[in-house]
Amino acid sequence: MASQLSGKKIAFLATDGFEQVELLQPRKALDEAGATTVVLSPKTGEIKGWNLKEWGQSVKVDKSLADANPNDYDALVLPGGVINPDHLRMEPAAVNFVRQFVSTGKTVAAICHGPWTLIEADAVRGKTVTSWPSLKTDLRNAGANWVDQEVVTDAQFIFSRKPDDIPAFSRTITEAVSQGNQQRNAA
C-alpha cells in the first residue's frame, strides 16, 4: 500500500486551532499510502492544534501560503476545528488559494468545520455535502445540499462530518487521488 500514492503531493491548509486528529490522522494515512504531505498556512513556523476541548500539539508549517502554488499539489485537505476554518475564511490569501485550487478540478477534501472556507470561496453551490451538523444551515444558505453521512463525494469534493469518520475520509481521499492518477495516465 505504501506506493499507492507514490509521487503524489497533498496539501493540508490549516492555521492555529485546527482539530488535531483531523489533520494528523488523515496525514498519517496519506503518508503511509506513499503521498508527500505538506502543511500550508498563512503563518510560518508552527501552528497549534486543538485537541477536542483544549489546546493540543503544534505542527510544523512546511510552506507559507504566500509561497504556495495550487498547481503543485494533487489534492487539498481542509481539516476542521471551529477556530481554524473560521480564521482561514477571513484570510483573503487562504480563500483565494482554495478558489484557485478548486478551479484545477483536483480533489478537495473537507471535514467537520472545514467547509467554511469552501463556502467563503463560493465552491459548494449545487454540491451535495456533509459536515459537522452546526454547519448545515450555512451550507444550505450557500446553495449546497447537506446530508448526514460518514463520507460524501460530489465530483472533485470529499466531505466528512467528524473525527469518528476519519478512517473512511482518509480511505476515500486515497482512492480519489489514486484514481485521478490512473485517469491521467490513461488519457
N, C-alpha and C. Protein backbone atom coordinates (compact mmCIF):
# COMPACT_ATOMS: atom_id res chain seq x y z
N MET A 1 0.80 -1.20 0.00
CA MET A 1 0.00 0.00 0.00
C MET A 1 0.85 1.27 0.00
N ALA A 2 2.09 1.16 0.43
CA ALA A 2 2.93 2.35 0.57
C ALA A 2 3.21 3.04 -0.75
N SER A 3 2.96 2.38 -1.86
CA SER A 3 3.22 3.02 -3.15
C SER A 3 1.95 3.48 -3.85
N GLN A 4 0.79 3.29 -3.24
CA GLN A 4 -0.47 3.66 -3.87
C GLN A 4 -0.50 5.13 -4.28
N LEU A 5 0.08 5.99 -3.47
CA LEU A 5 0.10 7.43 -3.77
C LEU A 5 1.51 7.95 -4.03
N SER A 6 2.41 7.06 -4.40
CA SER A 6 3.78 7.45 -4.67
C SER A 6 3.81 8.54 -5.74
N GLY A 7 4.57 9.59 -5.48
CA GLY A 7 4.68 10.69 -6.43
C GLY A 7 3.58 11.73 -6.29
N LYS A 8 2.63 11.50 -5.40
CA LYS A 8 1.54 12.45 -5.19
C LYS A 8 1.87 13.39 -4.04
N LYS A 9 1.49 14.65 -4.21
CA LYS A 9 1.76 15.68 -3.21
C LYS A 9 0.41 16.24 -2.75
N ILE A 10 0.15 16.15 -1.45
CA ILE A 10 -1.14 16.56 -0.92
C ILE A 10 -0.95 17.67 0.11
N ALA A 11 -1.67 18.77 -0.09
CA ALA A 11 -1.58 19.93 0.80
C ALA A 11 -2.67 19.88 1.86
N PHE A 12 -2.29 20.22 3.08
CA PHE A 12 -3.22 20.43 4.19
C PHE A 12 -3.17 21.92 4.48
N LEU A 13 -4.28 22.62 4.34
CA LEU A 13 -4.32 24.05 4.62
C LEU A 13 -4.90 24.24 6.02
N ALA A 14 -4.11 24.85 6.91
CA ALA A 14 -4.55 25.00 8.30
C ALA A 14 -3.84 26.16 8.96
N THR A 15 -4.39 26.55 10.11
CA THR A 15 -3.76 27.55 10.95
C THR A 15 -4.05 27.17 12.40
N ASP A 16 -3.68 28.03 13.34
CA ASP A 16 -3.91 27.72 14.74
C ASP A 16 -5.36 27.33 14.98
N GLY A 17 -5.55 26.30 15.81
CA GLY A 17 -6.90 25.88 16.16
C GLY A 17 -7.45 24.77 15.29
N PHE A 18 -6.62 24.18 14.42
CA PHE A 18 -7.09 23.04 13.63
C PHE A 18 -7.40 21.90 14.59
N GLU A 19 -8.43 21.11 14.29
CA GLU A 19 -8.73 19.95 15.14
C GLU A 19 -7.61 18.95 14.92
N GLN A 20 -6.86 18.68 15.98
CA GLN A 20 -5.63 17.90 15.89
C GLN A 20 -5.80 16.58 15.13
N VAL A 21 -6.79 15.77 15.49
CA VAL A 21 -6.94 14.46 14.84
C VAL A 21 -7.34 14.59 13.38
N GLU A 22 -7.98 15.70 13.02
CA GLU A 22 -8.45 15.87 11.64
C GLU A 22 -7.33 16.28 10.69
N LEU A 23 -6.21 16.66 11.22
CA LEU A 23 -5.02 16.89 10.39
C LEU A 23 -4.07 15.69 10.53
N LEU A 24 -3.78 15.31 11.76
CA LEU A 24 -2.75 14.29 11.98
C LEU A 24 -3.13 12.90 11.47
N GLN A 25 -4.35 12.45 11.70
CA GLN A 25 -4.72 11.10 11.27
C GLN A 25 -4.82 10.96 9.75
N PRO A 26 -5.52 11.87 9.04
CA PRO A 26 -5.51 11.74 7.57
C PRO A 26 -4.10 11.90 7.00
N ARG A 27 -3.31 12.79 7.58
CA ARG A 27 -1.94 12.98 7.10
C ARG A 27 -1.15 11.69 7.23
N LYS A 28 -1.27 11.03 8.39
CA LYS A 28 -0.56 9.77 8.61
C LYS A 28 -1.01 8.71 7.59
N ALA A 29 -2.31 8.60 7.36
CA ALA A 29 -2.83 7.62 6.41
C ALA A 29 -2.33 7.89 4.99
N LEU A 30 -2.30 9.16 4.60
CA LEU A 30 -1.84 9.51 3.25
C LEU A 30 -0.33 9.31 3.12
N ASP A 31 0.42 9.64 4.16
CA ASP A 31 1.86 9.38 4.17
C ASP A 31 2.11 7.88 4.03
N GLU A 32 1.36 7.07 4.79
CA GLU A 32 1.53 5.62 4.74
C GLU A 32 1.17 5.05 3.37
N ALA A 33 0.30 5.74 2.64
CA ALA A 33 -0.08 5.30 1.29
C ALA A 33 0.95 5.77 0.26
N GLY A 34 1.99 6.49 0.70
CA GLY A 34 3.07 6.89 -0.19
C GLY A 34 3.05 8.33 -0.65
N ALA A 35 2.06 9.11 -0.22
CA ALA A 35 2.00 10.52 -0.61
C ALA A 35 3.03 11.34 0.14
N THR A 36 3.36 12.48 -0.42
CA THR A 36 4.12 13.51 0.29
C THR A 36 3.09 14.52 0.75
N THR A 37 2.99 14.73 2.05
CA THR A 37 2.02 15.70 2.57
C THR A 37 2.74 16.95 3.03
N VAL A 38 2.08 18.08 2.81
CA VAL A 38 2.66 19.38 3.09
C VAL A 38 1.63 20.22 3.85
N VAL A 39 2.04 20.78 4.98
CA VAL A 39 1.16 21.68 5.72
C VAL A 39 1.42 23.11 5.24
N LEU A 40 0.36 23.71 4.71
CA LEU A 40 0.40 25.11 4.26
C LEU A 40 -0.35 25.95 5.29
N SER A 41 0.11 27.17 5.51
CA SER A 41 -0.55 28.05 6.45
C SER A 41 -0.23 29.50 6.13
N PRO A 42 -1.15 30.41 6.48
CA PRO A 42 -0.82 31.82 6.37
C PRO A 42 0.32 32.19 7.33
N LYS A 43 0.52 31.37 8.38
CA LYS A 43 1.58 31.58 9.35
C LYS A 43 2.82 30.82 8.93
N THR A 44 3.95 31.19 9.50
CA THR A 44 5.18 30.42 9.31
C THR A 44 5.56 29.81 10.66
N GLY A 45 6.50 28.89 10.64
CA GLY A 45 6.95 28.27 11.88
C GLY A 45 6.09 27.09 12.25
N GLU A 46 5.23 27.26 13.25
CA GLU A 46 4.36 26.18 13.71
C GLU A 46 2.94 26.71 13.90
N ILE A 47 1.98 25.78 13.82
CA ILE A 47 0.60 26.09 14.15
C ILE A 47 0.18 25.15 15.27
N LYS A 48 -0.70 25.63 16.12
CA LYS A 48 -1.09 24.87 17.31
C LYS A 48 -2.46 24.22 17.09
N GLY A 49 -2.51 22.93 17.39
CA GLY A 49 -3.75 22.18 17.24
C GLY A 49 -4.69 22.36 18.41
N TRP A 50 -5.93 21.98 18.19
CA TRP A 50 -6.94 21.94 19.22
C TRP A 50 -7.28 20.47 19.42
N ASN A 51 -7.20 20.00 20.66
CA ASN A 51 -7.43 18.60 20.97
C ASN A 51 -8.74 18.45 21.73
N LEU A 52 -9.83 18.40 20.99
CA LEU A 52 -11.20 18.24 21.49
C LEU A 52 -11.66 19.40 22.36
N LYS A 53 -11.08 19.60 23.55
CA LYS A 53 -11.56 20.66 24.45
C LYS A 53 -10.46 21.54 25.00
N GLU A 54 -9.24 21.36 24.47
CA GLU A 54 -8.12 22.17 24.95
C GLU A 54 -7.04 22.22 23.87
N TRP A 55 -6.10 23.12 24.05
CA TRP A 55 -5.02 23.23 23.09
C TRP A 55 -4.23 21.93 23.05
N GLY A 56 -3.82 21.55 21.85
CA GLY A 56 -3.08 20.31 21.66
C GLY A 56 -1.65 20.59 21.24
N GLN A 57 -1.13 19.70 20.39
CA GLN A 57 0.27 19.81 19.98
C GLN A 57 0.42 20.74 18.78
N SER A 58 1.64 21.19 18.59
CA SER A 58 1.96 22.05 17.45
C SER A 58 2.45 21.21 16.29
N VAL A 59 2.25 21.72 15.10
CA VAL A 59 2.68 21.07 13.87
C VAL A 59 3.51 22.08 13.09
N LYS A 60 4.59 21.61 12.51
CA LYS A 60 5.46 22.46 11.69
C LYS A 60 4.75 22.84 10.39
N VAL A 61 4.82 24.10 10.05
CA VAL A 61 4.32 24.57 8.76
C VAL A 61 5.42 24.29 7.73
N ASP A 62 5.08 23.53 6.71
CA ASP A 62 6.07 23.18 5.69
C ASP A 62 6.26 24.28 4.66
N LYS A 63 5.21 25.04 4.41
CA LYS A 63 5.31 26.09 3.40
C LYS A 63 4.30 27.19 3.74
N SER A 64 4.76 28.41 3.61
CA SER A 64 3.87 29.55 3.81
C SER A 64 2.88 29.62 2.65
N LEU A 65 1.67 29.95 2.96
CA LEU A 65 0.64 30.09 1.93
C LEU A 65 1.06 31.10 0.86
N ALA A 66 1.80 32.12 1.27
CA ALA A 66 2.27 33.14 0.32
C ALA A 66 3.19 32.55 -0.75
N ASP A 67 3.86 31.43 -0.43
CA ASP A 67 4.79 30.80 -1.37
C ASP A 67 4.21 29.57 -2.05
N ALA A 68 2.93 29.26 -1.79
CA ALA A 68 2.32 28.04 -2.32
C ALA A 68 1.60 28.28 -3.63
N ASN A 69 1.68 27.28 -4.51
CA ASN A 69 1.02 27.32 -5.81
C ASN A 69 0.06 26.13 -5.89
N PRO A 70 -1.24 26.36 -6.09
CA PRO A 70 -2.20 25.25 -6.16
C PRO A 70 -1.83 24.19 -7.19
N ASN A 71 -1.15 24.56 -8.24
CA ASN A 71 -0.79 23.61 -9.29
C ASN A 71 0.28 22.60 -8.86
N ASP A 72 0.91 22.85 -7.70
CA ASP A 72 1.96 21.96 -7.21
C ASP A 72 1.43 20.75 -6.45
N TYR A 73 0.10 20.69 -6.24
CA TYR A 73 -0.48 19.65 -5.38
C TYR A 73 -1.54 18.84 -6.13
N ASP A 74 -1.64 17.57 -5.74
CA ASP A 74 -2.61 16.66 -6.35
C ASP A 74 -3.94 16.65 -5.60
N ALA A 75 -3.95 17.14 -4.38
CA ALA A 75 -5.17 17.21 -3.58
C ALA A 75 -4.97 18.25 -2.48
N LEU A 76 -6.11 18.73 -1.97
CA LEU A 76 -6.12 19.70 -0.88
C LEU A 76 -7.03 19.16 0.21
N VAL A 77 -6.54 19.16 1.46
CA VAL A 77 -7.34 18.72 2.60
C VAL A 77 -7.54 19.92 3.53
N LEU A 78 -8.80 20.11 3.94
CA LEU A 78 -9.16 21.19 4.84
C LEU A 78 -9.66 20.61 6.16
N PRO A 79 -8.77 20.51 7.17
CA PRO A 79 -9.21 20.00 8.46
C PRO A 79 -10.14 21.00 9.13
N GLY A 80 -10.91 20.49 10.10
CA GLY A 80 -11.85 21.35 10.80
C GLY A 80 -11.30 21.88 12.10
N GLY A 81 -12.16 21.78 13.11
CA GLY A 81 -11.98 22.54 14.33
C GLY A 81 -12.75 23.81 14.10
N VAL A 82 -13.24 24.45 15.11
CA VAL A 82 -14.01 25.68 14.91
C VAL A 82 -13.08 26.86 14.61
N ILE A 83 -11.98 26.95 15.32
CA ILE A 83 -11.10 28.12 15.23
C ILE A 83 -10.41 28.20 13.87
N ASN A 84 -9.81 27.10 13.44
CA ASN A 84 -9.03 27.04 12.20
C ASN A 84 -9.79 27.55 10.98
N PRO A 85 -10.91 26.93 10.59
CA PRO A 85 -11.58 27.40 9.38
C PRO A 85 -12.21 28.78 9.54
N ASP A 86 -12.56 29.15 10.78
CA ASP A 86 -13.10 30.48 10.98
C ASP A 86 -12.04 31.53 10.67
N HIS A 87 -10.79 31.27 11.08
CA HIS A 87 -9.70 32.19 10.75
C HIS A 87 -9.38 32.15 9.25
N LEU A 88 -9.33 30.94 8.68
CA LEU A 88 -8.98 30.83 7.25
C LEU A 88 -9.98 31.54 6.35
N ARG A 89 -11.27 31.46 6.68
CA ARG A 89 -12.27 32.10 5.81
C ARG A 89 -12.21 33.61 5.88
N MET A 90 -11.51 34.15 6.88
CA MET A 90 -11.32 35.59 6.99
C MET A 90 -9.97 36.04 6.41
N GLU A 91 -9.21 35.09 5.91
CA GLU A 91 -7.88 35.35 5.36
C GLU A 91 -7.98 35.34 3.83
N PRO A 92 -7.94 36.52 3.18
CA PRO A 92 -8.10 36.56 1.72
C PRO A 92 -7.16 35.64 0.95
N ALA A 93 -5.91 35.51 1.40
CA ALA A 93 -4.96 34.64 0.70
C ALA A 93 -5.40 33.18 0.78
N ALA A 94 -5.96 32.76 1.91
CA ALA A 94 -6.42 31.37 2.06
C ALA A 94 -7.64 31.12 1.17
N VAL A 95 -8.58 32.04 1.18
CA VAL A 95 -9.78 31.89 0.34
C VAL A 95 -9.39 31.87 -1.13
N ASN A 96 -8.47 32.73 -1.52
CA ASN A 96 -8.01 32.77 -2.91
C ASN A 96 -7.31 31.48 -3.30
N PHE A 97 -6.47 30.93 -2.40
CA PHE A 97 -5.79 29.67 -2.67
C PHE A 97 -6.82 28.56 -2.88
N VAL A 98 -7.81 28.49 -1.99
CA VAL A 98 -8.86 27.46 -2.11
C VAL A 98 -9.61 27.64 -3.43
N ARG A 99 -9.98 28.85 -3.76
CA ARG A 99 -10.71 29.12 -5.01
C ARG A 99 -9.87 28.68 -6.22
N GLN A 100 -8.59 29.02 -6.22
CA GLN A 100 -7.71 28.61 -7.32
C GLN A 100 -7.55 27.10 -7.37
N PHE A 101 -7.43 26.46 -6.19
CA PHE A 101 -7.29 25.01 -6.16
C PHE A 101 -8.53 24.33 -6.72
N VAL A 102 -9.70 24.79 -6.30
CA VAL A 102 -10.96 24.22 -6.81
C VAL A 102 -11.00 24.31 -8.33
N SER A 103 -10.52 25.41 -8.88
CA SER A 103 -10.56 25.59 -10.34
C SER A 103 -9.67 24.60 -11.09
N THR A 104 -8.74 23.93 -10.40
CA THR A 104 -7.89 22.94 -11.06
C THR A 104 -8.64 21.64 -11.33
N GLY A 105 -9.76 21.42 -10.62
CA GLY A 105 -10.52 20.19 -10.77
C GLY A 105 -9.97 19.02 -9.98
N LYS A 106 -8.90 19.25 -9.22
CA LYS A 106 -8.30 18.17 -8.41
C LYS A 106 -9.07 18.00 -7.09
N THR A 107 -8.81 16.89 -6.42
CA THR A 107 -9.51 16.52 -5.20
C THR A 107 -9.38 17.57 -4.10
N VAL A 108 -10.53 17.92 -3.52
CA VAL A 108 -10.60 18.81 -2.37
C VAL A 108 -11.40 18.06 -1.30
N ALA A 109 -10.81 17.88 -0.13
CA ALA A 109 -11.46 17.15 0.95
C ALA A 109 -11.58 18.04 2.18
N ALA A 110 -12.78 18.07 2.77
CA ALA A 110 -13.02 18.90 3.95
C ALA A 110 -13.78 18.10 5.00
N ILE A 111 -13.38 18.25 6.24
CA ILE A 111 -14.02 17.52 7.34
C ILE A 111 -14.46 18.51 8.42
N CYS A 112 -15.56 18.17 9.08
CA CYS A 112 -16.05 18.90 10.23
C CYS A 112 -16.43 20.35 9.85
N HIS A 113 -15.72 21.34 10.37
CA HIS A 113 -15.97 22.74 10.04
C HIS A 113 -15.14 23.21 8.83
N GLY A 114 -14.34 22.32 8.25
CA GLY A 114 -13.52 22.66 7.09
C GLY A 114 -14.27 23.30 5.93
N PRO A 115 -15.54 22.92 5.67
CA PRO A 115 -16.26 23.52 4.55
C PRO A 115 -16.50 25.03 4.67
N TRP A 116 -16.33 25.60 5.85
CA TRP A 116 -16.50 27.05 5.97
C TRP A 116 -15.62 27.79 4.96
N THR A 117 -14.41 27.35 4.76
CA THR A 117 -13.52 28.02 3.80
C THR A 117 -14.04 27.83 2.38
N LEU A 118 -14.62 26.67 2.09
CA LEU A 118 -15.22 26.43 0.77
C LEU A 118 -16.45 27.30 0.55
N ILE A 119 -17.21 27.55 1.61
CA ILE A 119 -18.36 28.46 1.49
C ILE A 119 -17.85 29.84 1.10
N GLU A 120 -16.83 30.31 1.79
CA GLU A 120 -16.27 31.64 1.53
C GLU A 120 -15.73 31.75 0.10
N ALA A 121 -15.23 30.63 -0.43
CA ALA A 121 -14.70 30.60 -1.80
C ALA A 121 -15.81 30.35 -2.83
N ASP A 122 -17.06 30.30 -2.38
CA ASP A 122 -18.22 30.04 -3.24
C ASP A 122 -18.06 28.76 -4.05
N ALA A 123 -17.63 27.69 -3.37
CA ALA A 123 -17.33 26.44 -4.06
C ALA A 123 -18.33 25.32 -3.79
N VAL A 124 -19.33 25.55 -2.95
CA VAL A 124 -20.25 24.45 -2.60
C VAL A 124 -21.61 24.55 -3.26
N ARG A 125 -21.86 25.62 -3.97
CA ARG A 125 -23.16 25.81 -4.62
C ARG A 125 -23.47 24.62 -5.55
N GLY A 126 -24.62 23.99 -5.32
CA GLY A 126 -25.04 22.88 -6.16
C GLY A 126 -24.42 21.53 -5.79
N LYS A 127 -23.58 21.50 -4.76
CA LYS A 127 -22.90 20.26 -4.35
C LYS A 127 -23.67 19.58 -3.22
N THR A 128 -23.58 18.27 -3.17
CA THR A 128 -24.08 17.51 -2.02
C THR A 128 -22.91 17.35 -1.06
N VAL A 129 -23.14 17.75 0.19
CA VAL A 129 -22.05 17.84 1.17
C VAL A 129 -22.49 17.25 2.51
N THR A 130 -21.52 17.04 3.38
CA THR A 130 -21.78 16.80 4.79
C THR A 130 -20.74 17.59 5.58
N SER A 131 -20.97 17.69 6.88
CA SER A 131 -20.10 18.47 7.76
C SER A 131 -20.52 18.21 9.19
N TRP A 132 -19.87 18.90 10.11
CA TRP A 132 -20.37 18.93 11.48
C TRP A 132 -21.78 19.51 11.40
N PRO A 133 -22.75 18.98 12.14
CA PRO A 133 -24.14 19.40 11.98
C PRO A 133 -24.40 20.90 12.12
N SER A 134 -23.60 21.61 12.89
CA SER A 134 -23.85 23.05 13.08
C SER A 134 -23.63 23.86 11.80
N LEU A 135 -22.97 23.29 10.79
CA LEU A 135 -22.75 24.00 9.52
C LEU A 135 -23.87 23.77 8.52
N LYS A 136 -24.83 22.91 8.86
CA LYS A 136 -25.90 22.55 7.93
C LYS A 136 -26.57 23.78 7.32
N THR A 137 -27.00 24.72 8.15
CA THR A 137 -27.69 25.91 7.65
C THR A 137 -26.75 26.78 6.82
N ASP A 138 -25.50 26.94 7.26
CA ASP A 138 -24.53 27.73 6.48
C ASP A 138 -24.36 27.14 5.08
N LEU A 139 -24.22 25.81 5.03
CA LEU A 139 -24.02 25.15 3.74
C LEU A 139 -25.26 25.25 2.85
N ARG A 140 -26.42 25.06 3.44
CA ARG A 140 -27.66 25.20 2.66
C ARG A 140 -27.81 26.63 2.15
N ASN A 141 -27.51 27.61 3.00
CA ASN A 141 -27.61 29.01 2.58
C ASN A 141 -26.60 29.34 1.47
N ALA A 142 -25.53 28.57 1.39
CA ALA A 142 -24.52 28.75 0.33
C ALA A 142 -24.88 27.96 -0.93
N GLY A 143 -26.04 27.31 -0.94
CA GLY A 143 -26.51 26.61 -2.14
C GLY A 143 -26.18 25.13 -2.20
N ALA A 144 -25.70 24.56 -1.09
CA ALA A 144 -25.37 23.14 -1.08
C ALA A 144 -26.55 22.31 -0.57
N ASN A 145 -26.52 21.03 -0.90
CA ASN A 145 -27.47 20.05 -0.38
C ASN A 145 -26.77 19.29 0.74
N TRP A 146 -27.15 19.56 2.00
CA TRP A 146 -26.49 18.95 3.15
C TRP A 146 -27.15 17.63 3.50
N VAL A 147 -26.33 16.59 3.71
CA VAL A 147 -26.82 15.28 4.14
C VAL A 147 -25.98 14.81 5.32
N ASP A 148 -26.55 13.93 6.13
CA ASP A 148 -25.86 13.41 7.30
C ASP A 148 -25.32 12.02 6.97
N GLN A 149 -24.09 11.97 6.45
CA GLN A 149 -23.45 10.71 6.08
C GLN A 149 -21.98 10.76 6.48
N GLU A 150 -21.40 9.57 6.66
CA GLU A 150 -20.00 9.45 7.06
C GLU A 150 -19.06 10.13 6.05
N VAL A 151 -19.26 9.85 4.79
CA VAL A 151 -18.46 10.44 3.71
C VAL A 151 -19.40 10.75 2.55
N VAL A 152 -19.22 11.91 1.97
CA VAL A 152 -19.97 12.29 0.78
C VAL A 152 -18.98 12.73 -0.28
N THR A 153 -19.13 12.18 -1.47
CA THR A 153 -18.29 12.58 -2.61
C THR A 153 -19.19 13.20 -3.67
N ASP A 154 -18.81 14.37 -4.14
CA ASP A 154 -19.54 15.04 -5.23
C ASP A 154 -18.49 15.64 -6.15
N ALA A 155 -18.35 15.03 -7.33
CA ALA A 155 -17.33 15.45 -8.30
C ALA A 155 -15.95 15.42 -7.62
N GLN A 156 -15.24 16.54 -7.59
CA GLN A 156 -13.89 16.57 -7.03
C GLN A 156 -13.88 16.66 -5.50
N PHE A 157 -15.04 16.83 -4.88
CA PHE A 157 -15.11 17.10 -3.45
C PHE A 157 -15.39 15.85 -2.62
N ILE A 158 -14.75 15.80 -1.44
CA ILE A 158 -14.97 14.75 -0.45
C ILE A 158 -15.24 15.46 0.87
N PHE A 159 -16.33 15.05 1.54
CA PHE A 159 -16.71 15.66 2.81
C PHE A 159 -16.94 14.58 3.86
N SER A 160 -16.59 14.88 5.12
CA SER A 160 -16.92 14.04 6.26
C SER A 160 -17.36 14.93 7.42
N ARG A 161 -18.01 14.29 8.41
CA ARG A 161 -18.65 15.05 9.49
C ARG A 161 -17.77 15.34 10.70
N LYS A 162 -16.98 14.31 11.14
CA LYS A 162 -16.38 14.41 12.47
C LYS A 162 -15.21 13.44 12.61
N PRO A 163 -14.49 13.51 13.72
CA PRO A 163 -13.34 12.62 13.92
C PRO A 163 -13.67 11.13 13.76
N ASP A 164 -14.85 10.69 14.17
CA ASP A 164 -15.20 9.27 14.02
C ASP A 164 -15.16 8.83 12.55
N ASP A 165 -15.32 9.77 11.63
CA ASP A 165 -15.37 9.46 10.19
C ASP A 165 -13.99 9.42 9.54
N ILE A 166 -12.94 9.74 10.28
CA ILE A 166 -11.61 9.88 9.70
C ILE A 166 -11.13 8.65 8.93
N PRO A 167 -11.31 7.42 9.42
CA PRO A 167 -10.84 6.28 8.62
C PRO A 167 -11.48 6.23 7.22
N ALA A 168 -12.78 6.43 7.14
CA ALA A 168 -13.47 6.42 5.84
C ALA A 168 -13.06 7.64 5.01
N PHE A 169 -12.91 8.78 5.65
CA PHE A 169 -12.47 10.01 4.99
C PHE A 169 -11.10 9.81 4.34
N SER A 170 -10.16 9.27 5.12
CA SER A 170 -8.80 9.04 4.62
C SER A 170 -8.78 8.03 3.48
N ARG A 171 -9.54 6.97 3.61
CA ARG A 171 -9.64 5.94 2.56
C ARG A 171 -10.18 6.54 1.27
N THR A 172 -11.21 7.37 1.39
CA THR A 172 -11.83 7.97 0.21
C THR A 172 -10.87 8.94 -0.48
N ILE A 173 -10.11 9.71 0.29
CA ILE A 173 -9.11 10.61 -0.31
C ILE A 173 -8.06 9.78 -1.05
N THR A 174 -7.58 8.73 -0.41
CA THR A 174 -6.56 7.87 -1.03
C THR A 174 -7.07 7.30 -2.35
N GLU A 175 -8.30 6.79 -2.35
CA GLU A 175 -8.88 6.23 -3.57
C GLU A 175 -9.03 7.28 -4.65
N ALA A 176 -9.52 8.46 -4.28
CA ALA A 176 -9.75 9.51 -5.28
C ALA A 176 -8.45 9.98 -5.91
N VAL A 177 -7.43 10.20 -5.09
CA VAL A 177 -6.15 10.67 -5.63
C VAL A 177 -5.50 9.58 -6.47
N SER A 178 -5.59 8.34 -6.01
CA SER A 178 -5.04 7.21 -6.76
C SER A 178 -5.75 7.05 -8.11
N GLN A 179 -7.07 7.14 -8.12
CA GLN A 179 -7.84 7.01 -9.36
C GLN A 179 -7.58 8.18 -10.28
N GLY A 180 -7.38 9.36 -9.71
CA GLY A 180 -7.04 10.52 -10.53
C GLY A 180 -5.75 10.29 -11.28
N ASN A 181 -4.80 9.63 -10.63
CA ASN A 181 -3.53 9.28 -11.25
C ASN A 181 -3.76 8.31 -12.40
N GLN A 182 -4.59 7.29 -12.18
CA GLN A 182 -4.87 6.31 -13.23
C GLN A 182 -5.58 6.97 -14.41
N GLN A 183 -6.53 7.87 -14.12
CA GLN A 183 -7.26 8.53 -15.19
C GLN A 183 -6.33 9.41 -16.03
N ARG A 184 -5.40 10.12 -15.36
CA ARG A 184 -4.46 10.96 -16.11
C ARG A 184 -3.51 10.13 -16.95
N ASN A 185 -3.10 8.96 -16.41
CA ASN A 185 -2.20 8.09 -17.17
C ASN A 185 -2.89 7.46 -18.36
N ALA A 186 -4.21 7.25 -18.26
CA ALA A 186 -4.97 6.64 -19.35
C ALA A 186 -5.26 7.65 -20.46
N ALA A 187 -5.21 8.91 -20.13
CA ALA A 187 -5.54 9.96 -21.12
C ALA A 187 -4.46 10.13 -22.17
